[in-house]
Amino acid sequence: MKVFKFGGASVRDAEGVKNVKKVIDFTAEKDLVVVISAMGKMTNALEVVVAKYFEKNVAELEASISDIYQYHLTIANELFPNTSHPVYTRIAKWFSEMKAFLESNKSSNHAFVYDQIVSYGELISTTIVSEYLNENDVNNTWLDVRQCIKTDTYYRDARVDWEQTQKAIQGVTSQKGITITQGFLGAEETYKFTTTLGREGSDYTAAIFGYCLNAQSVTIWKDVPGVLNADPRYFSSTQLLHHISYREAIELAFYGASVIHPKTLQPLQRKEIPLFVKSFVQPEAPGTCVGKGVLLDPMVSCFILKKNQVLISLSSLDFSFMMEDNISEVFNLLHSYKMKVELIQNSAISFSVCVDNKYNSLENLLSKLKEKFKVTHHADVTLYTVRHSKPQEIATLIKGKEVLLKQESSETVQVVVKG
């Protein structure tokens, strides 16, 4: 048994869906779990639906849903010229279910509503892919992942109940043949409401299935040749990493490397299941292997960039030391306001933290902090993290930039700059 994962870019149009079949045919794998994301930028489009729902903008809400329906219908029309094909009924059913939820929902919890709505991206994409593969001699079983991945009720970033999840996956997933299922989704145990595992959580889904099924390997198929040492959108010179150790990959993911989801690697490492990152455009190319062995091949510096961060600096109002009780209180507030901490630095009388304001709760957090601390902050800062850097590389990186904070260890340099 192996696990494949195809992201949104790989199924953004009808040609992408056809290419999924080509990749499966090329690999000649017969026993697979195939995890598939929403098509293209569909999660973003469904986020607009959520926004319009809370704005109570009925006209724009209906227009957004109509646009999403037409997008999927266009792909289906290219794949299934026979408009009486059962796939059209299945697609219509998902949209009817979504509208029924929006009409009957009484909850004002944004994260809860978000998870119920954005989940339709994966449910619809896997329906289309599964039907197309079955139509073209790649027999498969469609599986609702919400039957398998059991979570708590921390909507938008749910935590997995591993014991229940493993039992469920082993109970409903065949070790033989091909299973098509959704990434990113789970369900909470009590009321069976849909949860999501965080953005880019489809990689994590693949790892969960790999772990629970003792898979031979997990392969993430992307529109890049593998894991690069830097994001080519921001760095002009990049190199393909042929092999990365689990430890190094976890470090890179922790600091925000975008190719691998931060939670993906731990379950695979526990069972020493290799993770491959390969190109769906060139499936014959070797890509990157994450597994046991050499730290990095080749041994080069790795650059990670995070934009739109917030640097918050605190000191006590009476200039007393920032001791454990103060720092503990700060972390409790960061947790309460769902701030993802990217970097911390403290001295005797000050404490600085760089955070990702993912849930737009910055103003409320600052207001609370100002009750007990002197607070300054810089919004829209950029955080650079460099692993195995050379001094000249850092000098080049920060040249002409206003450096707000710099932190250095034996293997990692982090720099916060303005803009």
Protein backbone atom coordinates (compact mmCIF):
# COMPACT_ATOMS: atom_id res chain seq x y z
CA MET A 1 0.00 0.00 0.00
CA LYS A 2 1.25 3.47 -0.96
CA VAL A 3 -0.30 6.90 -0.48
CA PHE A 4 -0.40 9.61 -3.18
CA LYS A 5 -1.49 13.19 -2.61
CA PHE A 6 -2.47 15.61 -5.38
CA GLY A 7 -2.87 19.28 -4.51
CA GLY A 8 -5.19 21.90 -5.95
CA ALA A 9 -2.79 22.91 -8.72
CA SER A 10 -2.77 19.35 -10.06
CA VAL A 11 -6.57 19.25 -10.50
CA ARG A 12 -7.31 22.89 -11.33
CA ASP A 13 -8.87 22.01 -14.69
CA ALA A 14 -9.94 19.07 -16.83
CA GLU A 15 -6.43 18.54 -18.20
CA GLY A 16 -5.16 18.33 -14.63
CA VAL A 17 -7.69 15.62 -13.78
CA LYS A 18 -6.64 13.70 -16.91
CA ASN A 19 -3.02 14.06 -15.83
CA VAL A 20 -3.78 12.45 -12.45
CA LYS A 21 -4.79 9.35 -14.40
CA LYS A 22 -1.57 9.57 -16.43
CA VAL A 23 0.53 9.74 -13.26
CA ILE A 24 -1.26 6.76 -11.71
CA ASP A 25 -0.87 4.85 -14.97
CA PHE A 26 2.83 5.78 -15.18
CA THR A 27 3.57 4.57 -11.66
CA ALA A 28 1.63 1.35 -12.31
CA GLU A 29 0.62 1.25 -8.65
CA LYS A 30 -2.42 -0.92 -7.98
CA ASP A 31 -2.83 -0.55 -4.21
CA LEU A 32 -3.19 3.15 -3.42
CA VAL A 33 -4.88 5.70 -1.23
CA VAL A 34 -5.11 8.88 -3.30
CA VAL A 35 -5.70 12.06 -1.30
CA ILE A 36 -6.96 15.01 -3.35
CA SER A 37 -7.36 18.70 -2.53
CA ALA A 38 -9.98 21.17 -3.72
CA MET A 39 -9.58 22.20 -7.35
CA GLY A 40 -7.33 25.16 -8.08
CA LYS A 41 -8.04 28.10 -5.77
CA MET A 42 -11.42 26.74 -4.73
CA THR A 43 -10.71 27.03 -0.99
CA ASN A 44 -10.18 30.77 -1.50
CA ALA A 45 -13.44 30.99 -3.45
CA LEU A 46 -15.33 29.18 -0.69
CA GLU A 47 -13.81 31.55 1.87
CA VAL A 48 -15.55 34.34 -0.07
CA VAL A 49 -18.84 32.44 0.37
CA VAL A 50 -18.25 32.39 4.13
CA ALA A 51 -17.45 36.12 4.13
CA LYS A 52 -20.59 37.02 2.16
CA TYR A 53 -22.69 34.82 4.44
CA PHE A 54 -21.54 36.70 7.54
CA GLU A 55 -21.96 40.03 5.76
CA LYS A 56 -25.55 38.96 5.05
CA ASN A 57 -24.98 39.97 1.44
CA VAL A 58 -27.49 37.60 -0.16
CA ALA A 59 -26.97 38.70 -3.78
CA GLU A 60 -23.19 38.36 -3.66
CA LEU A 61 -23.44 35.14 -1.68
CA GLU A 62 -25.62 33.57 -4.35
CA ALA A 63 -23.35 34.91 -7.09
CA SER A 64 -20.29 33.40 -5.41
CA ILE A 65 -21.94 29.99 -5.09
CA SER A 66 -23.08 30.20 -8.72
CA ASP A 67 -19.53 30.98 -9.88
CA ILE A 68 -18.17 27.98 -7.96
CA TYR A 69 -20.84 25.72 -9.42
CA GLN A 70 -20.08 26.90 -12.96
CA TYR A 71 -16.35 26.37 -12.42
CA HIS A 72 -16.88 22.73 -11.49
CA LEU A 73 -19.52 22.27 -14.19
CA THR A 74 -17.06 23.49 -16.85
CA ILE A 75 -14.51 20.90 -15.75
CA ALA A 76 -17.17 18.18 -15.62
CA ASN A 77 -18.44 19.08 -19.10
CA GLU A 78 -14.96 18.53 -20.55
CA LEU A 79 -14.53 15.22 -18.75
CA PHE A 80 -18.07 13.87 -19.16
CA PRO A 81 -19.64 14.97 -22.49
CA ASN A 82 -22.69 12.87 -21.67
CA THR A 83 -24.67 15.30 -19.51
CA SER A 84 -26.80 12.48 -18.11
CA HIS A 85 -23.72 11.02 -16.43
CA PRO A 86 -24.32 10.37 -12.67
CA VAL A 87 -21.49 12.77 -11.75
CA TYR A 88 -23.77 15.74 -12.47
CA THR A 89 -26.33 14.53 -9.94
CA ARG A 90 -23.60 14.04 -7.35
CA ILE A 91 -22.18 17.54 -7.93
CA ALA A 92 -25.68 19.08 -7.69
CA LYS A 93 -26.26 17.19 -4.43
CA TRP A 94 -23.16 18.74 -2.83
CA PHE A 95 -24.32 22.24 -3.77
CA SER A 96 -27.83 21.58 -2.47
CA GLU A 97 -26.34 20.38 0.80
CA MET A 98 -24.17 23.50 1.09
CA LYS A 99 -27.11 25.82 0.48
CA ALA A 100 -29.26 23.91 2.96
CA PHE A 101 -26.62 24.37 5.64
CA LEU A 102 -26.40 28.13 5.00
CA GLU A 103 -30.19 28.44 5.18
CA SER A 104 -30.57 26.44 8.41
CA ASN A 105 -27.41 27.36 10.31
CA LYS A 106 -27.90 29.14 13.63
CA SER A 107 -24.26 29.32 14.73
CA SER A 108 -22.36 32.62 14.69
CA ASN A 109 -19.04 30.84 15.20
CA HIS A 110 -17.03 31.86 12.13
CA ALA A 111 -14.54 28.98 12.39
CA PHE A 112 -17.37 26.43 12.63
CA VAL A 113 -19.18 27.82 9.59
CA TYR A 114 -15.87 28.08 7.71
CA ASP A 115 -15.17 24.37 8.15
CA GLN A 116 -18.67 23.31 7.08
CA ILE A 117 -18.46 25.39 3.86
CA VAL A 118 -14.85 25.09 2.65
CA SER A 119 -15.06 21.29 2.96
CA TYR A 120 -17.19 21.17 -0.18
CA GLY A 121 -14.14 21.99 -2.27
CA GLU A 122 -12.58 18.62 -1.46
CA LEU A 123 -15.86 16.72 -1.54
CA ILE A 124 -16.66 17.96 -5.05
CA SER A 125 -13.14 17.58 -6.46
CA THR A 126 -12.82 13.98 -5.30
CA THR A 127 -16.26 13.18 -6.68
CA ILE A 128 -15.21 14.40 -10.12
CA VAL A 129 -11.80 12.70 -10.06
CA SER A 130 -13.18 9.40 -8.77
CA GLU A 131 -15.91 9.32 -11.43
CA TYR A 132 -13.43 10.19 -14.20
CA LEU A 133 -10.99 7.47 -13.15
CA ASN A 134 -13.76 4.87 -12.95
CA GLU A 135 -14.95 5.96 -16.39
CA ASN A 136 -11.43 5.45 -17.77
CA ASP A 137 -10.44 2.02 -16.46
CA VAL A 138 -8.86 3.10 -13.17
CA ASN A 139 -11.30 1.39 -10.83
CA ASN A 140 -11.51 3.03 -7.44
CA THR A 141 -13.63 3.49 -4.34
CA TRP A 142 -14.66 6.97 -3.20
CA LEU A 143 -14.23 7.39 0.57
CA ASP A 144 -15.61 10.19 2.74
CA VAL A 145 -12.58 11.00 4.88
CA ARG A 146 -14.86 12.31 7.62
CA GLN A 147 -15.65 8.69 8.45
CA CYS A 148 -11.95 8.16 9.18
CA ILE A 149 -10.18 11.17 10.63
CA LYS A 150 -11.55 11.88 14.09
CA THR A 151 -10.71 15.23 15.68
CA ASP A 152 -11.54 17.63 18.47
CA THR A 153 -13.70 20.74 17.89
CA TYR A 154 -10.84 23.21 17.33
CA TYR A 155 -12.32 24.33 14.03
CA ARG A 156 -9.95 25.44 11.24
CA ASP A 157 -6.99 23.71 12.92
CA ALA A 158 -8.41 20.55 14.47
CA ARG A 159 -6.28 18.09 16.41
CA VAL A 160 -6.42 14.42 15.46
CA ASP A 161 -7.53 11.70 17.85
CA TRP A 162 -4.96 9.16 16.73
CA GLU A 163 -6.40 6.11 18.44
CA GLN A 164 -9.90 6.57 17.02
CA THR A 165 -8.56 7.64 13.64
CA GLN A 166 -6.33 4.60 13.25
CA LYS A 167 -9.18 2.29 14.21
CA ALA A 168 -11.53 3.99 11.71
CA ILE A 169 -9.03 4.08 8.83
CA GLN A 170 -8.11 0.45 9.24
CA GLY A 171 -11.78 -0.44 9.48
CA VAL A 172 -13.00 1.19 6.25
CA THR A 173 -9.95 1.50 3.97
CA SER A 174 -9.12 -1.44 1.75
CA GLN A 175 -5.46 -2.45 1.56
CA LYS A 176 -6.09 -3.57 -2.01
CA GLY A 177 -7.15 -1.49 -4.99
CA ILE A 178 -7.38 2.30 -5.26
CA THR A 179 -9.22 4.54 -2.79
CA ILE A 180 -9.93 8.20 -3.56
CA THR A 181 -10.43 10.47 -0.57
CA GLN A 182 -10.25 14.10 0.54
CA GLY A 183 -7.40 15.99 2.09
CA PHE A 184 -7.73 18.67 4.77
CA LEU A 185 -10.95 17.33 6.36
CA GLY A 186 -11.99 15.44 9.45
CA ALA A 187 -15.00 15.27 11.75
CA GLU A 188 -15.47 15.83 15.45
CA GLU A 189 -16.75 12.85 17.40
CA THR A 190 -19.79 14.14 19.26
CA TYR A 191 -22.03 15.67 16.59
CA LYS A 192 -20.04 14.55 13.49
CA PHE A 193 -19.62 18.12 12.27
CA THR A 194 -16.89 18.66 9.70
CA THR A 195 -13.53 19.99 10.87
CA THR A 196 -10.43 21.04 8.92
CA LEU A 197 -6.79 20.38 9.71
CA GLY A 198 -5.41 23.83 8.80
CA ARG A 199 -4.49 25.28 5.42
CA GLU A 200 -2.34 22.91 3.33
CA GLY A 201 -3.62 20.12 5.60
CA SER A 202 -3.98 17.68 2.69
CA ASP A 203 -0.31 16.74 3.06
CA TYR A 204 -1.05 15.96 6.69
CA THR A 205 -4.00 13.81 5.63
CA ALA A 206 -1.72 11.77 3.39
CA ALA A 207 0.69 11.27 6.30
CA ILE A 208 -2.16 10.19 8.60
CA PHE A 209 -3.24 7.51 6.12
CA GLY A 210 0.38 6.49 5.60
CA TYR A 211 0.90 6.06 9.33
CA CYS A 212 -2.37 4.26 10.03
CA LEU A 213 -1.99 1.86 7.10
CA ASN A 214 1.76 1.26 7.57
CA ALA A 215 2.26 2.46 4.01
CA GLN A 216 5.40 1.69 2.05
CA SER A 217 5.74 5.38 1.14
CA VAL A 218 3.86 8.66 0.79
CA THR A 219 4.26 10.77 -2.35
CA ILE A 220 3.15 14.39 -2.67
CA TRP A 221 2.70 15.35 -6.33
CA LYS A 222 3.30 19.07 -6.94
CA ASP A 223 3.98 21.56 -9.73
CA VAL A 224 7.64 21.86 -8.62
CA PRO A 225 10.45 19.33 -9.21
CA GLY A 226 10.74 18.59 -5.49
CA VAL A 227 11.82 20.45 -2.36
CA LEU A 228 13.92 23.49 -3.24
CA ASN A 229 16.28 25.29 -0.88
CA ALA A 230 14.26 28.51 -1.35
CA ASP A 231 10.92 29.66 -2.74
CA PRO A 232 11.51 30.61 -6.42
CA ARG A 233 8.81 33.28 -6.14
CA TYR A 234 11.10 35.30 -3.86
CA PHE A 235 14.62 34.03 -4.57
CA SER A 236 16.18 34.13 -8.04
CA SER A 237 18.60 31.24 -7.49
CA THR A 238 17.34 27.93 -6.10
CA GLN A 239 18.59 24.35 -5.89
CA LEU A 240 16.74 21.04 -5.75
CA LEU A 241 17.33 19.08 -2.55
CA HIS A 242 17.68 15.40 -3.51
CA HIS A 243 17.51 14.04 0.04
CA ILE A 244 16.53 15.56 3.39
CA SER A 245 16.65 13.80 6.75
CA TYR A 246 13.44 13.68 8.78
CA ARG A 247 15.02 15.96 11.40
CA GLU A 248 16.09 18.60 8.88
CA ALA A 249 12.75 18.48 7.06
CA ILE A 250 10.89 18.95 10.37
CA GLU A 251 13.11 21.96 11.14
CA LEU A 252 12.39 23.47 7.71
CA ALA A 253 8.66 22.80 8.06
CA PHE A 254 8.62 24.28 11.57
CA TYR A 255 10.13 27.50 10.28
CA GLY A 256 7.59 27.67 7.45
CA ALA A 257 8.99 25.95 4.35
CA SER A 258 5.89 25.91 2.16
CA VAL A 259 6.43 22.64 0.28
CA ILE A 260 5.82 20.39 3.32
CA HIS A 261 3.10 20.95 5.91
CA PRO A 262 4.58 21.28 9.44
CA LYS A 263 2.50 18.43 10.85
CA THR A 264 3.11 16.04 7.98
CA LEU A 265 6.50 14.69 8.95
CA GLN A 266 6.17 13.54 12.57
CA PRO A 267 3.87 10.54 11.95
CA LEU A 268 5.99 9.41 9.01
CA GLN A 269 9.20 9.66 11.03
CA ARG A 270 7.73 7.54 13.83
CA LYS A 271 7.36 4.61 11.44
CA GLU A 272 10.26 5.59 9.15
CA ILE A 273 7.94 5.87 6.14
CA PRO A 274 9.74 7.76 3.35
CA LEU A 275 8.10 10.85 1.92
CA PHE A 276 8.65 11.72 -1.73
CA VAL A 277 7.95 15.14 -3.23
CA LYS A 278 7.68 14.82 -7.00
CA SER A 279 6.50 16.71 -10.06
CA PHE A 280 3.16 15.74 -11.59
CA VAL A 281 4.46 17.34 -14.80
CA GLN A 282 7.53 15.05 -14.89
CA PRO A 283 6.58 11.96 -12.89
CA GLU A 284 9.69 10.17 -14.14
CA ALA A 285 12.00 12.69 -12.42
CA PRO A 286 13.43 11.57 -9.03
CA GLY A 287 12.17 14.56 -6.98
CA THR A 288 13.08 14.77 -3.30
CA CYS A 289 13.14 12.00 -0.73
CA VAL A 290 12.63 12.79 2.95
CA GLY A 291 13.76 9.90 5.10
CA LYS A 292 16.58 8.31 7.05
CA GLY A 293 20.17 9.11 6.23
CA VAL A 294 22.17 12.15 5.17
CA LEU A 295 21.10 15.52 6.61
CA LEU A 296 20.94 17.38 3.29
CA ASP A 297 21.99 16.49 -0.24
CA PRO A 298 23.37 18.81 -1.49
CA MET A 299 24.50 20.60 1.68
CA VAL A 300 23.41 24.18 0.89
CA SER A 301 21.79 27.01 2.79
CA CYS A 302 17.99 26.90 2.95
CA PHE A 303 15.99 30.14 2.89
CA ILE A 304 12.45 30.59 4.22
CA LEU A 305 10.47 33.82 3.92
CA LYS A 306 7.27 34.75 5.74
CA LYS A 307 5.50 37.98 4.84
CA ASN A 308 2.76 39.91 6.68
CA GLN A 309 4.02 39.03 10.14
CA VAL A 310 3.67 41.14 13.30
CA LEU A 311 6.55 41.92 15.66
CA ILE A 312 5.34 42.67 19.20
CA SER A 313 7.73 43.98 21.85
CA LEU A 314 6.81 44.05 25.55
CA SER A 315 8.33 45.37 28.74
CA SER A 316 6.89 45.67 32.23
CA LEU A 317 5.29 48.98 33.15
CA ASP A 318 7.53 49.37 36.21
CA PHE A 319 10.73 48.17 34.44
CA SER A 320 10.86 45.03 36.58
CA PHE A 321 12.24 41.81 35.17
CA MET A 322 10.28 39.84 32.58
CA MET A 323 10.19 36.67 34.64
CA GLU A 324 8.46 33.32 34.15
CA ASP A 325 5.08 34.51 35.45
CA ASN A 326 4.99 37.44 33.00
CA ILE A 327 6.12 35.33 30.06
CA SER A 328 3.64 32.60 30.96
CA GLU A 329 0.82 35.15 30.94
CA VAL A 330 1.93 36.43 27.52
CA PHE A 331 1.90 32.91 26.05
CA ASN A 332 -1.55 32.26 27.49
CA LEU A 333 -2.82 35.37 25.73
CA LEU A 334 -1.12 34.43 22.46
CA HIS A 335 -2.84 31.06 22.68
CA SER A 336 -6.21 32.59 23.56
CA TYR A 337 -6.09 34.91 20.55
CA LYS A 338 -4.84 32.10 18.25
CA MET A 339 -1.55 33.76 17.35
CA LYS A 340 0.98 31.45 15.72
CA VAL A 341 4.38 32.22 17.24
CA GLU A 342 7.21 32.30 14.69
CA LEU A 343 10.07 33.69 16.81
CA ILE A 344 10.70 34.76 20.40
CA GLN A 345 13.49 36.76 22.00
CA ASN A 346 13.74 37.97 25.56
CA SER A 347 16.10 39.87 27.82
CA ALA A 348 15.89 40.78 31.50
CA ILE A 349 13.32 43.55 30.96
CA SER A 350 11.89 42.95 27.50
CA PHE A 351 10.19 40.24 25.48
CA SER A 352 9.70 40.22 21.69
CA VAL A 353 7.62 37.86 19.65
CA CYS A 354 6.98 37.60 15.91
CA VAL A 355 3.52 36.21 15.18
CA ASP A 356 1.20 35.37 12.32
CA ASN A 357 -2.11 37.22 12.74
CA LYS A 358 -4.00 34.39 11.01
CA TYR A 359 -7.33 35.02 12.74
CA ASN A 360 -7.24 38.84 12.61
CA SER A 361 -7.27 39.14 16.39
CA LEU A 362 -4.27 41.48 16.71
CA GLU A 363 -6.13 44.55 17.98
CA ASN A 364 -7.89 42.61 20.73
CA LEU A 365 -4.60 41.00 21.76
CA LEU A 366 -2.76 44.34 21.89
CA SER A 367 -5.54 45.88 23.94
CA LYS A 368 -5.26 43.04 26.47
CA LEU A 369 -1.47 43.19 26.62
CA LYS A 370 -1.51 46.93 27.25
CA GLU A 371 -3.36 46.35 30.51
CA LYS A 372 -0.15 44.95 32.03
CA PHE A 373 2.75 45.79 29.72
CA LYS A 374 4.31 48.58 27.75
CA VAL A 375 3.65 47.47 24.18
CA THR A 376 5.06 48.43 20.78
CA HIS A 377 4.38 46.59 17.56
CA HIS A 378 5.28 46.58 13.88
CA ALA A 379 2.74 45.15 11.45
CA ASP A 380 3.46 43.80 7.95
CA VAL A 381 7.03 42.80 8.72
CA THR A 382 8.93 40.04 6.91
CA LEU A 383 10.64 37.16 8.69
CA TYR A 384 13.61 35.48 7.04
CA THR A 385 14.83 32.15 8.39
CA VAL A 386 18.06 30.70 7.02
CA ARG A 387 19.34 27.23 7.84
CA HIS A 388 23.09 26.45 7.53
CA SER A 389 23.81 29.98 6.39
CA LYS A 390 27.10 31.64 5.50
CA PRO A 391 27.81 35.16 6.88
CA GLN A 392 27.98 36.70 3.41
CA GLU A 393 24.55 35.29 2.55
CA ILE A 394 22.98 37.03 5.55
CA ALA A 395 24.74 40.29 4.71
CA THR A 396 23.36 40.12 1.17
CA LEU A 397 19.89 39.21 2.41
CA ILE A 398 19.52 42.23 4.71
CA LYS A 399 21.37 44.78 2.56
CA GLY A 400 19.25 47.94 2.26
CA LYS A 401 16.61 46.65 4.68
CA GLU A 402 15.69 47.97 8.14
CA VAL A 403 16.46 45.15 10.57
CA LEU A 404 14.08 45.12 13.56
CA LEU A 405 15.33 41.93 15.21
CA LYS A 406 18.01 39.33 14.56
CA GLN A 407 18.50 36.00 16.30
CA GLU A 408 21.24 33.48 15.59
CA SER A 409 22.06 29.93 16.68
CA SER A 410 24.60 27.41 15.42
CA GLU A 411 22.36 26.22 12.57
CA THR A 412 19.68 28.91 12.14
CA VAL A 413 19.58 32.67 11.63
CA GLN A 414 16.28 34.55 11.85
CA VAL A 415 15.89 38.19 10.83
CA VAL A 416 12.80 40.39 11.06
CA VAL A 417 12.85 43.32 8.60
CA LYS A 418 10.50 46.16 7.85
CA GLY A 419 8.22 45.51 4.89
